[in-house]
C-alpha atoms as a PDB file:
ATOM      1  CA  MET A   1      48.890 139.069 106.939  1.00  0.00           C
ATOM      2  CA  THR A   2      48.019 135.952 104.928  1.00  0.00           C
ATOM      3  CA  PHE A   3      45.068 137.826 103.432  1.00  0.00           C
ATOM      4  CA  PHE A   4      47.404 140.332 101.785  1.00  0.00           C
ATOM      5  CA  LYS A   5      49.712 137.573 100.543  1.00  0.00           C
ATOM      6  CA  ASN A   6      46.757 135.758  98.951  1.00  0.00           C
ATOM      7  CA  LEU A   7      45.512 139.024  97.489  1.00  0.00           C
ATOM      8  CA  MET A   8      48.867 139.677  95.814  1.00  0.00           C
ATOM      9  CA  LYS A   9      48.905 136.161  94.290  1.00  0.00           C
ATOM     10  CA  ASP A  10      45.322 136.398  92.975  1.00  0.00           C
ATOM     11  CA  ASN A  11      45.270 137.061  89.202  1.00  0.00           C
ATOM     12  CA  GLU A  12      41.555 136.610  88.445  1.00  0.00           C
ATOM     13  CA  GLY A  13      40.820 140.338  88.317  1.00  0.00           C
ATOM     14  CA  ALA A  14      43.672 141.005  85.904  1.00  0.00           C
ATOM     15  CA  THR A  15      41.809 139.494  82.946  1.00  0.00           C
ATOM     16  CA  ALA A  16      38.718 141.590  83.607  1.00  0.00           C
ATOM     17  CA  ILE A  17      40.849 144.723  83.812  1.00  0.00           C
ATOM     18  CA  GLU A  18      42.564 143.867  80.531  1.00  0.00           C
ATOM     19  CA  TYR A  19      39.213 143.373  78.781  1.00  0.00           C
ATOM     20  CA  GLY A  20      38.012 146.663  80.231  1.00  0.00           C
ATOM     21  CA  LEU A  21      41.081 148.479  78.899  1.00  0.00           C
ATOM     22  CA  ILE A  22      40.627 146.928  75.455  1.00  0.00           C
ATOM     23  CA  ALA A  23      36.956 147.955  75.407  1.00  0.00           C
ATOM     24  CA  ALA A  24      37.884 151.501  76.431  1.00  0.00           C
ATOM     25  CA  LEU A  25      40.503 151.709  73.674  1.00  0.00           C
ATOM     26  CA  ILE A  26      37.998 150.513  71.070  1.00  0.00           C
ATOM     27  CA  ALA A  27      35.437 153.040  72.335  1.00  0.00           C
ATOM     28  CA  VAL A  28      37.932 155.914  72.063  1.00  0.00           C
ATOM     29  CA  ALA A  29      38.871 154.862  68.518  1.00  0.00           C
ATOM     30  CA  ALA A  30      35.208 154.596  67.497  1.00  0.00           C
ATOM     31  CA  ILE A  31      34.335 157.993  68.966  1.00  0.00           C
ATOM     32  CA  SER A  32      37.226 159.720  67.229  1.00  0.00           C
ATOM     33  CA  ALA A  33      36.397 158.050  63.898  1.00  0.00           C
ATOM     34  CA  MET A  34      32.729 158.989  64.160  1.00  0.00           C
ATOM     35  CA  SER A  35      33.626 162.554  65.079  1.00  0.00           C
ATOM     36  CA  GLY A  36      35.744 162.925  61.950  1.00  0.00           C
ATOM     37  CA  LEU A  37      33.070 161.318  59.814  1.00  0.00           C
ATOM     38  CA  GLY A  38      30.411 163.600  61.303  1.00  0.00           C
ATOM     39  CA  ASN A  39      32.391 166.718  60.430  1.00  0.00           C
ATOM     40  CA  GLN A  40      32.976 165.469  56.893  1.00  0.00           C
ATOM     41  CA  LEU A  41      29.290 164.633  56.467  1.00  0.00           C
ATOM     42  CA  SER A  42      28.264 168.058  57.755  1.00  0.00           C
ATOM     43  CA  ASN A  43      30.571 169.761  55.264  1.00  0.00           C
ATOM     44  CA  THR A  44      29.189 167.640  52.407  1.00  0.00           C
ATOM     45  CA  PHE A  45      25.565 168.452  53.235  1.00  0.00           C
ATOM     46  CA  GLY A  46      26.461 172.133  53.609  1.00  0.00           C
ATOM     47  CA  LYS A  47      28.042 172.163  50.157  1.00  0.00           C
ATOM     48  CA  VAL A  48      25.065 170.392  48.599  1.00  0.00           C
ATOM     49  CA  SER A  49      22.686 172.824  50.303  1.00  0.00           C
ATOM     50  CA  SER A  50      24.574 175.879  49.067  1.00  0.00           C
ATOM     51  CA  ASP A  51      24.833 174.433  45.544  1.00  0.00           C
ATOM     52  CA  MET A  52      21.090 173.808  45.464  1.00  0.00           C
ATOM     53  CA  ALA A  53      20.344 177.304  46.739  1.00  0.00           C
ATOM     54  CA  SER A  54      22.423 178.912  43.987  1.00  0.00           C
ATOM     55  CA  VAL A  55      20.622 177.037  41.183  1.00  0.00           C
END
């Protein structure tokens, strides 16, 4: 029973979990930003390609 009481009082893992959640949030933001940038870049290159083909 004392094992469970000590486990409930232990806060060392909480910091690691918080850092993990922050890293996951940053990763999600970076992936969504890069996805939007990739689509925009693809559209730009497509427009340049079609403009060059029509010249």
